[in-house]
C-alpha atoms as a PDB file:
ATOM      1  CA  MET A   1       2.661  21.771 -22.196  1.00  0.00           C
ATOM      2  CA  PRO A   2      -0.731  20.769 -20.753  1.00  0.00           C
ATOM      3  CA  ILE A   3      -0.675  18.400 -17.802  1.00  0.00           C
ATOM      4  CA  PRO A   4      -2.359  15.113 -18.791  1.00  0.00           C
ATOM      5  CA  GLN A   5      -5.652  14.337 -17.146  1.00  0.00           C
ATOM      6  CA  PHE A   6      -5.671  11.250 -14.993  1.00  0.00           C
ATOM      7  CA  PHE A   7      -9.336  10.301 -15.320  1.00  0.00           C
ATOM      8  CA  ASP A   8     -11.627   9.808 -18.287  1.00  0.00           C
ATOM      9  CA  PHE A   9     -14.298  12.440 -17.763  1.00  0.00           C
ATOM     10  CA  SER A  10     -16.584  10.949 -20.396  1.00  0.00           C
ATOM     11  CA  SER A  11     -17.037   7.803 -18.342  1.00  0.00           C
ATOM     12  CA  ILE A  12     -17.908   9.911 -15.310  1.00  0.00           C
ATOM     13  CA  ILE A  13     -20.664  11.803 -17.085  1.00  0.00           C
ATOM     14  CA  LEU A  14     -22.199   8.637 -18.486  1.00  0.00           C
ATOM     15  CA  HIS A  15     -22.097   6.681 -15.228  1.00  0.00           C
ATOM     16  CA  PRO A  16     -25.729   6.092 -14.225  1.00  0.00           C
ATOM     17  CA  SER A  17     -25.152   6.463 -10.485  1.00  0.00           C
ATOM     18  CA  SER A  18     -23.163   9.688 -10.744  1.00  0.00           C
ATOM     19  CA  PHE A  19     -24.520  13.169 -10.377  1.00  0.00           C
ATOM     20  CA  ILE A  20     -22.060  15.508 -12.031  1.00  0.00           C
ATOM     21  CA  PRO A  21     -23.589  18.925 -12.748  1.00  0.00           C
ATOM     22  CA  THR A  22     -23.150  20.336 -16.216  1.00  0.00           C
ATOM     23  CA  VAL A  23     -20.047  22.485 -16.469  1.00  0.00           C
ATOM     24  CA  SER A  24     -21.193  26.086 -16.725  1.00  0.00           C
ATOM     25  CA  SER A  25     -19.552  28.685 -18.894  1.00  0.00           C
ATOM     26  CA  SER A  26     -18.438  30.524 -15.762  1.00  0.00           C
ATOM     27  CA  ILE A  27     -16.079  27.784 -14.589  1.00  0.00           C
ATOM     28  CA  GLN A  28     -15.048  26.360 -17.964  1.00  0.00           C
ATOM     29  CA  PRO A  29     -12.185  28.902 -18.237  1.00  0.00           C
ATOM     30  CA  LEU A  30     -11.030  27.913 -14.741  1.00  0.00           C
ATOM     31  CA  ILE A  31     -10.941  24.251 -15.720  1.00  0.00           C
ATOM     32  CA  HIS A  32      -9.143  25.139 -18.935  1.00  0.00           C
ATOM     33  CA  ALA A  33      -6.535  27.057 -16.924  1.00  0.00           C
ATOM     34  CA  ILE A  34      -5.773  23.888 -14.954  1.00  0.00           C
ATOM     35  CA  GLU A  35      -5.466  21.819 -18.108  1.00  0.00           C
ATOM     36  CA  GLN A  36      -3.121  24.375 -19.678  1.00  0.00           C
ATOM     37  CA  ALA A  37      -0.985  25.181 -16.620  1.00  0.00           C
ATOM     38  CA  ASP A  38       2.674  24.960 -17.616  1.00  0.00           C
ATOM     39  CA  SER A  39       4.347  25.247 -14.205  1.00  0.00           C
ATOM     40  CA  PRO A  40       3.729  23.906 -10.678  1.00  0.00           C
ATOM     41  CA  ASP A  41       2.938  27.370  -9.313  1.00  0.00           C
ATOM     42  CA  ARG A  42       0.493  28.170 -12.099  1.00  0.00           C
ATOM     43  CA  LEU A  43      -1.238  24.861 -11.542  1.00  0.00           C
ATOM     44  CA  ILE A  44      -1.624  25.574  -7.827  1.00  0.00           C
ATOM     45  CA  GLY A  45      -2.996  29.026  -8.603  1.00  0.00           C
ATOM     46  CA  ALA A  46      -5.438  27.628 -11.154  1.00  0.00           C
ATOM     47  CA  VAL A  47      -6.693  24.999  -8.698  1.00  0.00           C
ATOM     48  CA  GLN A  48      -7.125  27.656  -6.004  1.00  0.00           C
ATOM     49  CA  ALA A  49      -9.220  29.720  -8.407  1.00  0.00           C
ATOM     50  CA  LEU A  50     -11.415  26.727  -9.241  1.00  0.00           C
ATOM     51  CA  VAL A  51     -11.907  25.887  -5.567  1.00  0.00           C
ATOM     52  CA  ALA A  52     -12.860  29.505  -4.853  1.00  0.00           C
ATOM     53  CA  ALA A  53     -15.670  29.240  -7.425  1.00  0.00           C
ATOM     54  CA  GLN A  54     -17.366  26.703  -5.119  1.00  0.00           C
ATOM     55  CA  SER A  55     -19.133  24.978  -7.990  1.00  0.00           C
ATOM     56  CA  GLU A  56     -20.146  21.329  -7.796  1.00  0.00           C
ATOM     57  CA  ALA A  57     -19.371  21.109 -11.507  1.00  0.00           C
ATOM     58  CA  SER A  58     -15.697  21.419 -10.575  1.00  0.00           C
ATOM     59  CA  ILE A  59     -15.681  18.131  -8.651  1.00  0.00           C
ATOM     60  CA  PRO A  60     -14.422  15.867 -11.505  1.00  0.00           C
ATOM     61  CA  THR A  61     -11.573  18.255 -12.267  1.00  0.00           C
ATOM     62  CA  LEU A  62     -10.601  18.566  -8.605  1.00  0.00           C
ATOM     63  CA  ILE A  63     -10.572  14.780  -8.333  1.00  0.00           C
ATOM     64  CA  SER A  64      -8.329  14.560 -11.382  1.00  0.00           C
ATOM     65  CA  VAL A  65      -5.866  16.980  -9.753  1.00  0.00           C
ATOM     66  CA  LEU A  66      -5.417  14.494  -6.903  1.00  0.00           C
ATOM     67  CA  GLY A  67      -3.509  12.322  -9.380  1.00  0.00           C
ATOM     68  CA  TYR A  68      -1.180  15.036 -10.660  1.00  0.00           C
ATOM     69  CA  ASN A  69       2.470  15.015  -9.689  1.00  0.00           C
ATOM     70  CA  ASN A  70       2.058  18.232  -7.712  1.00  0.00           C
ATOM     71  CA  PRO A  71       1.444  17.752  -3.965  1.00  0.00           C
ATOM     72  CA  GLY A  72       0.634  21.428  -3.440  1.00  0.00           C
ATOM     73  CA  ALA A  73      -2.125  21.374  -6.035  1.00  0.00           C
ATOM     74  CA  ALA A  74      -3.406  18.033  -4.734  1.00  0.00           C
ATOM     75  CA  VAL A  75      -3.747  19.385  -1.193  1.00  0.00           C
ATOM     76  CA  VAL A  76      -5.668  22.422  -2.456  1.00  0.00           C
ATOM     77  CA  ALA A  77      -7.950  20.155  -4.509  1.00  0.00           C
ATOM     78  CA  MET A  78      -8.495  17.833  -1.550  1.00  0.00           C
ATOM     79  CA  LYS A  79      -9.503  20.742   0.697  1.00  0.00           C
ATOM     80  CA  GLY A  80     -11.817  21.992  -2.020  1.00  0.00           C
ATOM     81  CA  LEU A  81     -13.511  18.600  -2.234  1.00  0.00           C
ATOM     82  CA  VAL A  82     -13.939  18.543   1.536  1.00  0.00           C
ATOM     83  CA  GLN A  83     -15.623  21.962   1.303  1.00  0.00           C
ATOM     84  CA  MET A  84     -18.026  20.490  -1.259  1.00  0.00           C
ATOM     85  CA  GLY A  85     -19.109  18.016   1.400  1.00  0.00           C
ATOM     86  CA  GLU A  86     -21.764  15.458   0.548  1.00  0.00           C
ATOM     87  CA  ALA A  87     -21.793  16.381  -3.145  1.00  0.00           C
ATOM     88  CA  ALA A  88     -18.236  15.066  -3.515  1.00  0.00           C
ATOM     89  CA  VAL A  89     -18.776  11.730  -1.770  1.00  0.00           C
ATOM     90  CA  LEU A  90     -20.161   9.574  -4.586  1.00  0.00           C
ATOM     91  CA  PRO A  91     -17.740  10.912  -7.228  1.00  0.00           C
ATOM     92  CA  LEU A  92     -14.813  10.277  -4.877  1.00  0.00           C
ATOM     93  CA  MET A  93     -16.032   6.759  -4.131  1.00  0.00           C
ATOM     94  CA  GLU A  94     -16.513   5.944  -7.804  1.00  0.00           C
ATOM     95  CA  LEU A  95     -13.201   7.402  -8.917  1.00  0.00           C
ATOM     96  CA  LEU A  96     -10.895   5.969  -6.271  1.00  0.00           C
ATOM     97  CA  ASP A  97      -7.800   4.776  -8.087  1.00  0.00           C
ATOM     98  CA  ASP A  98      -6.242   1.506  -6.969  1.00  0.00           C
ATOM     99  CA  TYR A  99      -2.936   2.129  -8.705  1.00  0.00           C
ATOM    100  CA  ASN A 100      -2.110   5.791  -8.132  1.00  0.00           C
ATOM    101  CA  TYR A 101      -0.886   5.900  -4.538  1.00  0.00           C
ATOM    102  CA  GLY A 102      -1.052   9.678  -4.220  1.00  0.00           C
ATOM    103  CA  ALA A 103      -4.522  10.110  -5.704  1.00  0.00           C
ATOM    104  CA  ARG A 104      -5.941   7.327  -3.550  1.00  0.00           C
ATOM    105  CA  ALA A 105      -4.373   8.738  -0.385  1.00  0.00           C
ATOM    106  CA  TYR A 106      -5.831  12.203  -0.976  1.00  0.00           C
ATOM    107  CA  ALA A 107      -9.245  10.777  -1.886  1.00  0.00           C
ATOM    108  CA  ILE A 108      -9.391   8.682   1.285  1.00  0.00           C
ATOM    109  CA  ARG A 109      -8.356  11.690   3.367  1.00  0.00           C
ATOM    110  CA  ALA A 110     -11.127  13.715   1.742  1.00  0.00           C
ATOM    111  CA  LEU A 111     -13.730  11.027   2.441  1.00  0.00           C
ATOM    112  CA  ALA A 112     -12.553  10.728   6.035  1.00  0.00           C
ATOM    113  CA  ALA A 113     -12.796  14.492   6.525  1.00  0.00           C
ATOM    114  CA  ILE A 114     -16.257  14.743   4.948  1.00  0.00           C
ATOM    115  CA  ALA A 115     -17.308  11.921   7.311  1.00  0.00           C
ATOM    116  CA  ASP A 116     -20.307  10.815   5.273  1.00  0.00           C
ATOM    117  CA  PRO A 117     -21.344   7.290   6.372  1.00  0.00           C
ATOM    118  CA  ARG A 118     -21.866   6.264   2.739  1.00  0.00           C
ATOM    119  CA  ALA A 119     -18.077   5.892   2.653  1.00  0.00           C
ATOM    120  CA  LEU A 120     -18.093   3.398   5.540  1.00  0.00           C
ATOM    121  CA  ASP A 121     -17.441   0.291   3.433  1.00  0.00           C
ATOM    122  CA  ILE A 122     -14.561   1.917   1.556  1.00  0.00           C
ATOM    123  CA  LEU A 123     -12.989   3.272   4.732  1.00  0.00           C
ATOM    124  CA  LEU A 124     -13.300  -0.094   6.490  1.00  0.00           C
ATOM    125  CA  SER A 125     -11.758  -2.101   3.660  1.00  0.00           C
ATOM    126  CA  THR A 126      -9.018   0.496   3.184  1.00  0.00           C
ATOM    127  CA  ALA A 127      -8.158   0.534   6.875  1.00  0.00           C
ATOM    128  CA  GLU A 128      -7.946  -3.252   6.924  1.00  0.00           C
ATOM    129  CA  THR A 129      -6.163  -4.146   3.711  1.00  0.00           C
ATOM    130  CA  ASP A 130      -4.747  -1.215   1.719  1.00  0.00           C
ATOM    131  CA  PHE A 131      -1.106  -1.689   0.769  1.00  0.00           C
ATOM    132  CA  ALA A 132      -0.101   1.890   1.659  1.00  0.00           C
ATOM    133  CA  PRO A 133       0.350   2.593   5.393  1.00  0.00           C
ATOM    134  CA  SER A 134      -0.468   6.305   5.093  1.00  0.00           C
ATOM    135  CA  VAL A 135      -3.741   5.521   3.308  1.00  0.00           C
ATOM    136  CA  ARG A 136      -4.613   2.946   5.972  1.00  0.00           C
ATOM    137  CA  ARG A 137      -3.882   5.502   8.692  1.00  0.00           C
ATOM    138  CA  ALA A 138      -6.165   8.093   7.106  1.00  0.00           C
ATOM    139  CA  ALA A 139      -8.983   5.566   6.744  1.00  0.00           C
ATOM    140  CA  THR A 140      -8.503   4.247  10.279  1.00  0.00           C
ATOM    141  CA  LYS A 141      -8.764   7.692  11.815  1.00  0.00           C
ATOM    142  CA  GLY A 142     -11.786   8.484   9.659  1.00  0.00           C
ATOM    143  CA  VAL A 143     -13.726   5.325  10.515  1.00  0.00           C
ATOM    144  CA  GLY A 144     -14.491   6.451  14.054  1.00  0.00           C
ATOM    145  CA  GLY A 145     -15.601   9.957  13.160  1.00  0.00           C
ATOM    146  CA  LEU A 146     -18.379   9.366  10.647  1.00  0.00           C
ATOM    147  CA  ARG A 147     -21.637  11.303  10.969  1.00  0.00           C
ATOM    148  CA  TRP A 148     -23.661   8.388  12.272  1.00  0.00           C
ATOM    149  CA  PHE A 149     -26.780  10.549  12.637  1.00  0.00           C
ATOM    150  CA  GLN A 150     -27.078  10.558   8.840  1.00  0.00           C
ATOM    151  CA  LEU A 151     -27.931   6.856   8.942  1.00  0.00           C
ATOM    152  CA  LEU A 152     -31.386   5.502   9.677  1.00  0.00           C
ATOM    153  CA  PRO A 153     -31.769   4.894  13.428  1.00  0.00           C
ATOM    154  CA  ASP A 154     -31.933   1.118  12.989  1.00  0.00           C
ATOM    155  CA  GLN A 155     -28.647   1.123  11.021  1.00  0.00           C
ATOM    156  CA  VAL A 156     -26.473   3.004  13.504  1.00  0.00           C
ATOM    157  CA  ALA A 157     -25.653   0.248  15.998  1.00  0.00           C
ATOM    158  CA  ALA A 158     -24.609  -2.262  13.330  1.00  0.00           C
ATOM    159  CA  ALA A 159     -22.470   0.319  11.521  1.00  0.00           C
ATOM    160  CA  GLN A 160     -20.728   1.404  14.722  1.00  0.00           C
ATOM    161  CA  THR A 161     -20.086  -2.228  15.641  1.00  0.00           C
ATOM    162  CA  ARG A 162     -18.450  -2.806  12.258  1.00  0.00           C
ATOM    163  CA  ALA A 163     -16.327   0.284  12.810  1.00  0.00           C
ATOM    164  CA  PHE A 164     -15.195  -1.031  16.195  1.00  0.00           C
ATOM    165  CA  GLU A 165     -14.340  -4.448  14.777  1.00  0.00           C
ATOM    166  CA  THR A 166     -12.107  -2.873  12.140  1.00  0.00           C
ATOM    167  CA  LEU A 167     -10.479  -0.503  14.628  1.00  0.00           C
ATOM    168  CA  ASN A 168      -9.892  -3.398  17.001  1.00  0.00           C
ATOM    169  CA  GLN A 169      -8.236  -5.351  14.186  1.00  0.00           C
ATOM    170  CA  VAL A 170      -6.018  -2.439  13.152  1.00  0.00           C
ATOM    171  CA  SER A 171      -5.094  -1.806  16.786  1.00  0.00           C
ATOM    172  CA  GLN A 172      -3.226  -5.128  16.725  1.00  0.00           C
ATOM    173  CA  ASP A 173      -1.210  -4.365  13.590  1.00  0.00           C
ATOM    174  CA  PRO A 174       2.593  -4.740  13.839  1.00  0.00           C
ATOM    175  CA  ASP A 175       2.989  -1.164  12.536  1.00  0.00           C
ATOM    176  CA  TRP A 176       2.966   1.194  15.529  1.00  0.00           C
ATOM    177  CA  SER A 177       1.666   4.100  13.422  1.00  0.00           C
ATOM    178  CA  LEU A 178      -1.438   2.100  12.511  1.00  0.00           C
ATOM    179  CA  ARG A 179      -2.012   1.172  16.138  1.00  0.00           C
ATOM    180  CA  TYR A 180      -1.705   4.864  16.988  1.00  0.00           C
ATOM    181  CA  ALA A 181      -4.283   5.720  14.309  1.00  0.00           C
ATOM    182  CA  ALA A 182      -6.569   3.041  15.754  1.00  0.00           C
ATOM    183  CA  VAL A 183      -6.412   4.729  19.163  1.00  0.00           C
ATOM    184  CA  VAL A 184      -7.532   7.990  17.553  1.00  0.00           C
ATOM    185  CA  GLY A 185     -10.354   6.182  15.769  1.00  0.00           C
ATOM    186  CA  LEU A 186     -11.468   4.366  18.922  1.00  0.00           C
ATOM    187  CA  GLN A 187     -11.547   7.582  20.928  1.00  0.00           C
ATOM    188  CA  THR A 188     -13.558   9.367  18.243  1.00  0.00           C
ATOM    189  CA  LEU A 189     -15.968   6.445  17.964  1.00  0.00           C
ATOM    190  CA  ALA A 190     -16.481   6.342  21.733  1.00  0.00           C
ATOM    191  CA  THR A 191     -17.159  10.078  21.778  1.00  0.00           C
ATOM    192  CA  SER A 192     -19.821   9.712  19.090  1.00  0.00           C
ATOM    193  CA  LEU A 193     -21.829   7.068  20.959  1.00  0.00           C
ATOM    194  CA  GLU A 194     -25.132   8.163  22.420  1.00  0.00           C
ATOM    195  CA  PRO A 195     -24.998   8.051  26.253  1.00  0.00           C
ATOM    196  CA  GLY A 196     -26.794   5.009  27.599  1.00  0.00           C
ATOM    197  CA  GLN A 197     -27.617   3.593  24.164  1.00  0.00           C
ATOM    198  CA  SER A 198     -24.331   1.873  23.344  1.00  0.00           C
ATOM    199  CA  VAL A 199     -23.111   0.713  26.750  1.00  0.00           C
ATOM    200  CA  PRO A 200     -21.670  -2.659  25.607  1.00  0.00           C
ATOM    201  CA  LEU A 201     -19.785  -1.070  22.713  1.00  0.00           C
ATOM    202  CA  SER A 202     -18.496   1.737  24.917  1.00  0.00           C
ATOM    203  CA  ALA A 203     -17.244  -0.844  27.413  1.00  0.00           C
ATOM    204  CA  GLN A 204     -15.463  -2.750  24.637  1.00  0.00           C
ATOM    205  CA  ILE A 205     -13.739   0.410  23.435  1.00  0.00           C
ATOM    206  CA  LEU A 206     -12.576   1.338  26.929  1.00  0.00           C
ATOM    207  CA  ALA A 207     -11.326  -2.207  27.530  1.00  0.00           C
ATOM    208  CA  ARG A 208      -9.299  -2.166  24.318  1.00  0.00           C
ATOM    209  CA  LEU A 209      -7.830   1.249  25.102  1.00  0.00           C
ATOM    210  CA  LYS A 210      -6.809   0.018  28.560  1.00  0.00           C
ATOM    211  CA  GLN A 211      -4.952  -2.846  26.908  1.00  0.00           C
ATOM    212  CA  MET A 212      -3.274  -0.422  24.521  1.00  0.00           C
ATOM    213  CA  ALA A 213      -2.171   1.738  27.441  1.00  0.00           C
ATOM    214  CA  ASP A 214       0.465  -0.972  27.951  1.00  0.00           C
ATOM    215  CA  ASP A 215       1.488  -1.077  24.285  1.00  0.00           C
ATOM    216  CA  SER A 216       5.127  -1.824  23.522  1.00  0.00           C
ATOM    217  CA  ASP A 217       5.475   1.514  21.712  1.00  0.00           C
ATOM    218  CA  PHE A 218       5.664   4.584  23.924  1.00  0.00           C
ATOM    219  CA  ALA A 219       3.775   6.844  21.483  1.00  0.00           C
ATOM    220  CA  VAL A 220       0.863   4.403  21.221  1.00  0.00           C
ATOM    221  CA  GLN A 221       0.909   3.865  24.966  1.00  0.00           C
ATOM    222  CA  SER A 222       0.798   7.602  25.686  1.00  0.00           C
ATOM    223  CA  ARG A 223      -1.969   8.247  23.142  1.00  0.00           C
ATOM    224  CA  ALA A 224      -4.093   5.439  24.575  1.00  0.00           C
ATOM    225  CA  ARG A 225      -3.696   6.809  28.099  1.00  0.00           C
ATOM    226  CA  MET A 226      -4.673  10.271  26.929  1.00  0.00           C
ATOM    227  CA  ALA A 227      -7.751   8.848  25.187  1.00  0.00           C
ATOM    228  CA  LEU A 228      -8.728   6.960  28.335  1.00  0.00           C
ATOM    229  CA  HIS A 229      -8.342  10.060  30.471  1.00  0.00           C
ATOM    230  CA  ILE A 230     -10.527  12.132  28.148  1.00  0.00           C
ATOM    231  CA  LEU A 231     -13.204   9.440  27.831  1.00  0.00           C
ATOM    232  CA  GLU A 232     -13.316   8.705  31.556  1.00  0.00           C
ATOM    233  CA  GLN A 233     -13.705  12.411  32.317  1.00  0.00           C
ATOM    234  CA  SER A 234     -16.528  12.614  29.797  1.00  0.00           C
ATOM    235  CA  LEU A 235     -18.196   9.542  31.292  1.00  0.00           C
ATOM    236  CA  ALA A 236     -17.956  11.019  34.785  1.00  0.00           C
ATOM    237  CA  ARG A 237     -19.627  14.224  33.580  1.00  0.00           C
ATOM    238  CA  ASP A 238     -22.414  12.226  31.952  1.00  0.00           C
ATOM    239  CA  VAL A 239     -23.022  10.304  35.179  1.00  0.00           C
ATOM    240  CA  GLN A 240     -23.020  13.513  37.202  1.00  0.00           C
ATOM    241  CA  THR A 241     -25.471  15.140  34.810  1.00  0.00           C
ATOM    242  CA  ALA A 242     -27.784  12.138  34.905  1.00  0.00           C
ATOM    243  CA  ALA A 243     -27.735  11.868  38.714  1.00  0.00           C
ATOM    244  CA  PRO A 244     -30.791  13.350  40.485  1.00  0.00           C
ATOM    245  CA  THR A 245     -30.062  16.512  42.444  1.00  0.00           C
ATOM    246  CA  SER A 246     -30.759  16.428  46.179  1.00  0.00           C
ATOM    247  CA  ARG A 247     -32.852  19.144  47.790  1.00  0.00           C
END
């Protein structure tokens, strides 16, 4: 029995802001194999075959697989979308499902891994307010690691400040796992800052991590101390590199 599709593909194709390539005859059989898969293993195999084709026309189908009740197939589809990179960002953003917990979690993880700054608003709002802790954790970790260089130079500072504000907020959440994710995000954000160009923001991140080094949860405390150690070593190397050499 065919597995029902979760998304309405017709609405995707007609959406004016979407760019979904026409499905070629070469991958149509691969998509059909997914639609007709009659066992979990066959579905996983069919998704693997579609991912291996590396066709952007497969993006809508891979996104639909995120909503299937088959975690193995969903993970394969998610990794395939990450491999697609920038081409998958807008479709993922437009097709995020607010009601299917699994599909949303995988989509957010994919966006976080692709690290395209166009997903900043979605990742920020998800990290702050999503009802599912695992989805919030994925978004929180992803917020700090976006490819800021893809933004216009005059947009970077404001975007990074917004990222810090969200990470700072999440770092005070009652859920220790979210605070832990915030430490990861803060460390990644600090690492991405250009030396000498974001001194105030870097100082704010270090100050917050120092506070979190005394967190009530041992795991959060240990992760914050590790982040501080790594960042302070990196800062020391930057200072040493910038210092004039004596003759």
